[in-house]
Amino acid sequence: MPTLKKRINITVDKDLFTALSRLSKREQSSLSNLSIRLIRFAMELEEDRYFSEIADERLEKNEKRIPHGKVWKK
């Protein structure tokens, strides 16, 4: 049956498979849905880390800053 979703195949070691299986049973979720949730969570963490690095670089620069209240003042 065709699907619009893309598929990926991954190979995991026995310990990781056991941990994922137990977690999926505990959460009463399929292994696929659990994997998708964990991957999405990891992507959010990576995004946060990326933007944090950008913010840190900007803070290191000695540039004029505009106060938050002044920027968002109506």
C-alpha atoms as a PDB file:
ATOM      1  CA  MET A   1       0.000   0.000   0.000  1.00  0.00           C
ATOM      2  CA  PRO A   2       1.578   3.317  -1.047  1.00  0.00           C
ATOM      3  CA  THR A   3       2.085   6.041   1.524  1.00  0.00           C
ATOM      4  CA  LEU A   4       2.965   9.717   1.383  1.00  0.00           C
ATOM      5  CA  LYS A   5       5.374   9.374   4.288  1.00  0.00           C
ATOM      6  CA  LYS A   6       9.023   8.678   3.592  1.00  0.00           C
ATOM      7  CA  ARG A   7      10.634   5.630   5.141  1.00  0.00           C
ATOM      8  CA  ILE A   8      14.038   5.161   6.675  1.00  0.00           C
ATOM      9  CA  ASN A   9      15.683   1.956   7.803  1.00  0.00           C
ATOM     10  CA  ILE A  10      18.056   1.977  10.732  1.00  0.00           C
ATOM     11  CA  THR A  11      20.089  -0.732  12.366  1.00  0.00           C
ATOM     12  CA  VAL A  12      20.487  -0.650  16.138  1.00  0.00           C
ATOM     13  CA  ASP A  13      22.335  -2.852  18.562  1.00  0.00           C
ATOM     14  CA  LYS A  14      20.527  -5.279  20.844  1.00  0.00           C
ATOM     15  CA  ASP A  15      20.708  -3.048  23.938  1.00  0.00           C
ATOM     16  CA  LEU A  16      19.194  -0.044  22.187  1.00  0.00           C
ATOM     17  CA  PHE A  17      16.469  -2.174  20.630  1.00  0.00           C
ATOM     18  CA  THR A  18      15.615  -3.628  24.039  1.00  0.00           C
ATOM     19  CA  ALA A  19      15.456  -0.169  25.610  1.00  0.00           C
ATOM     20  CA  LEU A  20      13.251   1.194  22.819  1.00  0.00           C
ATOM     21  CA  SER A  21      10.964  -1.835  22.969  1.00  0.00           C
ATOM     22  CA  ARG A  22      10.500  -1.535  26.730  1.00  0.00           C
ATOM     23  CA  LEU A  23       9.838   2.182  26.492  1.00  0.00           C
ATOM     24  CA  SER A  24       7.292   1.716  23.708  1.00  0.00           C
ATOM     25  CA  LYS A  25       5.466  -0.935  25.745  1.00  0.00           C
ATOM     26  CA  ARG A  26       5.500   1.281  28.840  1.00  0.00           C
ATOM     27  CA  GLU A  27       4.043   4.188  26.871  1.00  0.00           C
ATOM     28  CA  GLN A  28       1.657   1.902  24.976  1.00  0.00           C
ATOM     29  CA  SER A  29       2.994   3.207  21.699  1.00  0.00           C
ATOM     30  CA  SER A  30       4.356   1.512  18.629  1.00  0.00           C
ATOM     31  CA  LEU A  31       8.093   1.326  18.187  1.00  0.00           C
ATOM     32  CA  SER A  32       7.773   3.478  15.062  1.00  0.00           C
ATOM     33  CA  ASN A  33       5.800   6.234  16.793  1.00  0.00           C
ATOM     34  CA  LEU A  34       8.188   6.253  19.733  1.00  0.00           C
ATOM     35  CA  SER A  35      11.156   6.511  17.374  1.00  0.00           C
ATOM     36  CA  ILE A  36       9.555   9.414  15.512  1.00  0.00           C
ATOM     37  CA  ARG A  37       8.886  11.268  18.784  1.00  0.00           C
ATOM     38  CA  LEU A  38      12.460  10.746  19.964  1.00  0.00           C
ATOM     39  CA  ILE A  39      13.905  11.897  16.636  1.00  0.00           C
ATOM     40  CA  ARG A  40      11.720  15.023  16.666  1.00  0.00           C
ATOM     41  CA  PHE A  41      12.809  15.768  20.233  1.00  0.00           C
ATOM     42  CA  ALA A  42      16.456  15.375  19.224  1.00  0.00           C
ATOM     43  CA  MET A  43      15.907  17.732  16.279  1.00  0.00           C
ATOM     44  CA  GLU A  44      14.437  20.356  18.627  1.00  0.00           C
ATOM     45  CA  LEU A  45      17.478  20.047  20.886  1.00  0.00           C
ATOM     46  CA  GLU A  46      19.785  20.511  17.903  1.00  0.00           C
ATOM     47  CA  GLU A  47      17.812  23.574  16.810  1.00  0.00           C
ATOM     48  CA  ASP A  48      18.062  25.052  20.317  1.00  0.00           C
ATOM     49  CA  ARG A  49      21.804  24.425  20.370  1.00  0.00           C
ATOM     50  CA  TYR A  50      22.227  26.062  16.958  1.00  0.00           C
ATOM     51  CA  PHE A  51      20.342  29.223  17.932  1.00  0.00           C
ATOM     52  CA  SER A  52      22.155  29.336  21.268  1.00  0.00           C
ATOM     53  CA  GLU A  53      25.480  29.397  19.415  1.00  0.00           C
ATOM     54  CA  ILE A  54      24.243  32.273  17.243  1.00  0.00           C
ATOM     55  CA  ALA A  55      23.099  34.189  20.330  1.00  0.00           C
ATOM     56  CA  ASP A  56      26.445  33.606  22.061  1.00  0.00           C
ATOM     57  CA  GLU A  57      28.321  34.912  19.007  1.00  0.00           C
ATOM     58  CA  ARG A  58      26.166  38.043  18.947  1.00  0.00           C
ATOM     59  CA  LEU A  59      26.710  38.656  22.653  1.00  0.00           C
ATOM     60  CA  GLU A  60      30.485  38.477  22.175  1.00  0.00           C
ATOM     61  CA  LYS A  61      30.366  41.379  19.715  1.00  0.00           C
ATOM     62  CA  ASN A  62      30.672  44.833  21.215  1.00  0.00           C
ATOM     63  CA  GLU A  63      27.742  46.403  19.394  1.00  0.00           C
ATOM     64  CA  LYS A  64      25.078  48.868  20.415  1.00  0.00           C
ATOM     65  CA  ARG A  65      22.049  47.094  21.840  1.00  0.00           C
ATOM     66  CA  ILE A  66      18.481  48.321  21.934  1.00  0.00           C
ATOM     67  CA  PRO A  67      16.533  47.504  25.126  1.00  0.00           C
ATOM     68  CA  HIS A  68      13.740  44.967  24.789  1.00  0.00           C
ATOM     69  CA  GLY A  69      11.063  47.410  25.934  1.00  0.00           C
ATOM     70  CA  LYS A  70      12.089  49.985  23.349  1.00  0.00           C
ATOM     71  CA  VAL A  71      12.021  47.487  20.492  1.00  0.00           C
ATOM     72  CA  TRP A  72       8.541  46.188  21.283  1.00  0.00           C
ATOM     73  CA  LYS A  73       7.041  49.509  22.354  1.00  0.00           C
ATOM     74  CA  LYS A  74       3.908  50.370  20.414  1.00  0.00           C
END
